[in-house]
Amino acid sequence: MAVTATFIADRITCYSKPVATTPLAVCVGLWALGPLAMTISATSTGGGFANEGSWLTVVALTSMFPLTTFMISAYDGSLGGLLLGSVVLLNMSMQRRKAYTNAVT
C-alpha cells in the first residue's frame, strides 16, 4: 500500500515539484517499521503482542532494523514484497532525482 500510494503521489506531483526524498523516506519507513508491523501481524496467531515482554522485543528489534527487518520478513514470508517494494521505491527516487537535475539545468 505504501508503495502504491507513493507511486500515485509521484504521478500527481511529478510535473509541479519533483522531490527525490519522498520515495526514500517511504523506503526507510518500510525497513524501520518492519519489526513493529510484523509483530502486530503475528499477534492474531498467538505471537507478537500476545506474549509477555513484546514491547521490549519490538524496541530491541527496531533498534537494529536493517538486519532484523530482513530476517523477520524472511521468516514471516514477506521478504519478496519487502525487496520488491524497496527496489521500486529506490528506482522511483532515482527517476525523480534525474528529473530534478534535468529541470534545474
C-alpha atoms as a PDB file:
ATOM      1  CA  MET A   1       0.000   0.000   0.000  1.00  0.00           C
ATOM      2  CA  ALA A   2       2.770   2.427   0.852  1.00  0.00           C
ATOM      3  CA  VAL A   3       4.494   1.835  -2.469  1.00  0.00           C
ATOM      4  CA  THR A   4       1.234   2.286  -4.384  1.00  0.00           C
ATOM      5  CA  ALA A   5       0.410   5.494  -2.520  1.00  0.00           C
ATOM      6  CA  THR A   6       3.896   6.842  -3.208  1.00  0.00           C
ATOM      7  CA  PHE A   7       3.572   5.938  -6.883  1.00  0.00           C
ATOM      8  CA  ILE A   8       0.210   7.731  -7.168  1.00  0.00           C
ATOM      9  CA  ALA A   9       1.539  10.787  -5.336  1.00  0.00           C
ATOM     10  CA  ASP A  10       4.566  10.740  -7.624  1.00  0.00           C
ATOM     11  CA  ARG A  11       2.386  10.782 -10.721  1.00  0.00           C
ATOM     12  CA  ILE A  12       0.201  13.582  -9.373  1.00  0.00           C
ATOM     13  CA  THR A  13       3.059  15.866  -8.316  1.00  0.00           C
ATOM     14  CA  CYS A  14       5.794  14.951 -10.788  1.00  0.00           C
ATOM     15  CA  TYR A  15       5.088  17.878 -13.065  1.00  0.00           C
ATOM     16  CA  SER A  16       4.922  20.527 -10.375  1.00  0.00           C
ATOM     17  CA  LYS A  17       7.743  19.671  -7.975  1.00  0.00           C
ATOM     18  CA  PRO A  18       9.956  16.591  -8.393  1.00  0.00           C
ATOM     19  CA  VAL A  19      11.277  15.758  -4.910  1.00  0.00           C
ATOM     20  CA  ALA A  20      13.513  12.700  -4.725  1.00  0.00           C
ATOM     21  CA  THR A  21      13.367  12.326  -0.945  1.00  0.00           C
ATOM     22  CA  THR A  22       9.748  11.161  -0.625  1.00  0.00           C
ATOM     23  CA  PRO A  23      10.297   7.637  -2.031  1.00  0.00           C
ATOM     24  CA  LEU A  24      13.471   7.325   0.052  1.00  0.00           C
ATOM     25  CA  ALA A  25      11.577   8.296   3.195  1.00  0.00           C
ATOM     26  CA  VAL A  26       8.907   5.680   2.475  1.00  0.00           C
ATOM     27  CA  CYS A  27      11.616   3.062   1.859  1.00  0.00           C
ATOM     28  CA  VAL A  28      13.321   3.858   5.174  1.00  0.00           C
ATOM     29  CA  GLY A  29       9.920   3.719   6.855  1.00  0.00           C
ATOM     30  CA  LEU A  30       9.268   0.255   5.419  1.00  0.00           C
ATOM     31  CA  TRP A  31      12.537  -1.008   6.820  1.00  0.00           C
ATOM     32  CA  ALA A  32      12.406   0.853  10.157  1.00  0.00           C
ATOM     33  CA  LEU A  33       8.783  -0.009  10.972  1.00  0.00           C
ATOM     34  CA  GLY A  34       9.045  -3.579   9.680  1.00  0.00           C
ATOM     35  CA  PRO A  35       9.573  -5.243  13.086  1.00  0.00           C
ATOM     36  CA  LEU A  36       6.573  -3.403  14.548  1.00  0.00           C
ATOM     37  CA  ALA A  37       4.324  -4.299  11.599  1.00  0.00           C
ATOM     38  CA  MET A  38       5.320  -7.955  11.676  1.00  0.00           C
ATOM     39  CA  THR A  39       4.832  -8.115  15.447  1.00  0.00           C
ATOM     40  CA  ILE A  40       1.324  -6.736  15.006  1.00  0.00           C
ATOM     41  CA  SER A  41       0.579  -9.276  12.267  1.00  0.00           C
ATOM     42  CA  ALA A  42       1.823 -12.156  14.438  1.00  0.00           C
ATOM     43  CA  THR A  43      -0.498 -11.221  17.319  1.00  0.00           C
ATOM     44  CA  SER A  44      -3.545 -12.936  15.811  1.00  0.00           C
ATOM     45  CA  THR A  45      -1.737 -16.278  15.697  1.00  0.00           C
ATOM     46  CA  GLY A  46      -0.638 -16.209  19.334  1.00  0.00           C
ATOM     47  CA  GLY A  47       2.709 -14.482  18.823  1.00  0.00           C
ATOM     48  CA  GLY A  48       3.638 -10.829  18.803  1.00  0.00           C
ATOM     49  CA  PHE A  49       1.814  -8.715  21.366  1.00  0.00           C
ATOM     50  CA  ALA A  50       0.002 -11.773  22.757  1.00  0.00           C
ATOM     51  CA  ASN A  51       3.248 -12.649  24.551  1.00  0.00           C
ATOM     52  CA  GLU A  52       4.741 -11.057  27.612  1.00  0.00           C
ATOM     53  CA  GLY A  53       7.531  -8.509  27.107  1.00  0.00           C
ATOM     54  CA  SER A  54       6.695  -7.894  23.479  1.00  0.00           C
ATOM     55  CA  TRP A  55       7.254  -4.116  23.647  1.00  0.00           C
ATOM     56  CA  LEU A  56      10.841  -4.657  24.783  1.00  0.00           C
ATOM     57  CA  THR A  57      11.334  -7.084  21.908  1.00  0.00           C
ATOM     58  CA  VAL A  58       9.906  -4.593  19.402  1.00  0.00           C
ATOM     59  CA  VAL A  59      12.200  -1.832  20.691  1.00  0.00           C
ATOM     60  CA  ALA A  60      15.239  -4.116  20.518  1.00  0.00           C
ATOM     61  CA  LEU A  61      14.395  -5.341  17.010  1.00  0.00           C
ATOM     62  CA  THR A  62      13.622  -1.849  15.723  1.00  0.00           C
ATOM     63  CA  SER A  63      16.931  -0.509  17.013  1.00  0.00           C
ATOM     64  CA  MET A  64      18.695  -2.999  14.727  1.00  0.00           C
ATOM     65  CA  PHE A  65      16.240  -2.514  11.867  1.00  0.00           C
ATOM     66  CA  PRO A  66      18.163  -3.237   8.658  1.00  0.00           C
ATOM     67  CA  LEU A  67      19.253  -6.683   9.781  1.00  0.00           C
ATOM     68  CA  THR A  68      16.210  -7.634  11.825  1.00  0.00           C
ATOM     69  CA  THR A  69      13.688  -6.466   9.229  1.00  0.00           C
ATOM     70  CA  PHE A  70      15.397  -8.659   6.645  1.00  0.00           C
ATOM     71  CA  MET A  71      15.469 -11.674   8.970  1.00  0.00           C
ATOM     72  CA  ILE A  72      11.912 -11.293  10.276  1.00  0.00           C
ATOM     73  CA  SER A  73      10.471 -10.754   6.806  1.00  0.00           C
ATOM     74  CA  ALA A  74      12.248 -13.876   5.567  1.00  0.00           C
ATOM     75  CA  TYR A  75      10.734 -15.840   8.446  1.00  0.00           C
ATOM     76  CA  ASP A  76       7.337 -14.175   8.011  1.00  0.00           C
ATOM     77  CA  GLY A  77       7.228 -14.882   4.268  1.00  0.00           C
ATOM     78  CA  SER A  78       7.145 -11.265   3.153  1.00  0.00           C
ATOM     79  CA  LEU A  79      10.767 -10.904   2.064  1.00  0.00           C
ATOM     80  CA  GLY A  80       9.848 -10.813  -1.622  1.00  0.00           C
ATOM     81  CA  GLY A  81       7.403  -7.968  -1.088  1.00  0.00           C
ATOM     82  CA  LEU A  82       9.896  -6.042   1.037  1.00  0.00           C
ATOM     83  CA  LEU A  83      12.658  -6.352  -1.545  1.00  0.00           C
ATOM     84  CA  LEU A  84      10.346  -5.597  -4.477  1.00  0.00           C
ATOM     85  CA  GLY A  85       8.943  -2.549  -2.709  1.00  0.00           C
ATOM     86  CA  SER A  86      12.446  -1.340  -1.860  1.00  0.00           C
ATOM     87  CA  VAL A  87      13.634  -1.713  -5.454  1.00  0.00           C
ATOM     88  CA  VAL A  88      10.572   0.105  -6.808  1.00  0.00           C
ATOM     89  CA  LEU A  89      10.965   2.963  -4.328  1.00  0.00           C
ATOM     90  CA  LEU A  90      14.705   3.329  -4.970  1.00  0.00           C
ATOM     91  CA  ASN A  91      14.063   3.327  -8.728  1.00  0.00           C
ATOM     92  CA  MET A  92      11.355   5.957  -8.281  1.00  0.00           C
ATOM     93  CA  SER A  93      13.745   8.094  -6.239  1.00  0.00           C
ATOM     94  CA  MET A  94      16.456   7.857  -8.895  1.00  0.00           C
ATOM     95  CA  GLN A  95      13.981   8.832 -11.632  1.00  0.00           C
ATOM     96  CA  ARG A  96      12.805  11.827  -9.631  1.00  0.00           C
ATOM     97  CA  ARG A  97      16.401  12.874  -8.940  1.00  0.00           C
ATOM     98  CA  LYS A  98      17.152  12.670 -12.661  1.00  0.00           C
ATOM     99  CA  ALA A  99      14.031  14.702 -13.481  1.00  0.00           C
ATOM    100  CA  TYR A 100      15.048  17.314 -10.930  1.00  0.00           C
ATOM    101  CA  THR A 101      18.578  17.659 -12.286  1.00  0.00           C
ATOM    102  CA  ASN A 102      17.235  17.925 -15.844  1.00  0.00           C
ATOM    103  CA  ALA A 103      14.749  20.604 -14.770  1.00  0.00           C
ATOM    104  CA  VAL A 104      17.433  22.635 -12.985  1.00  0.00           C
ATOM    105  CA  THR A 105      19.971  22.561 -15.814  1.00  0.00           C
END
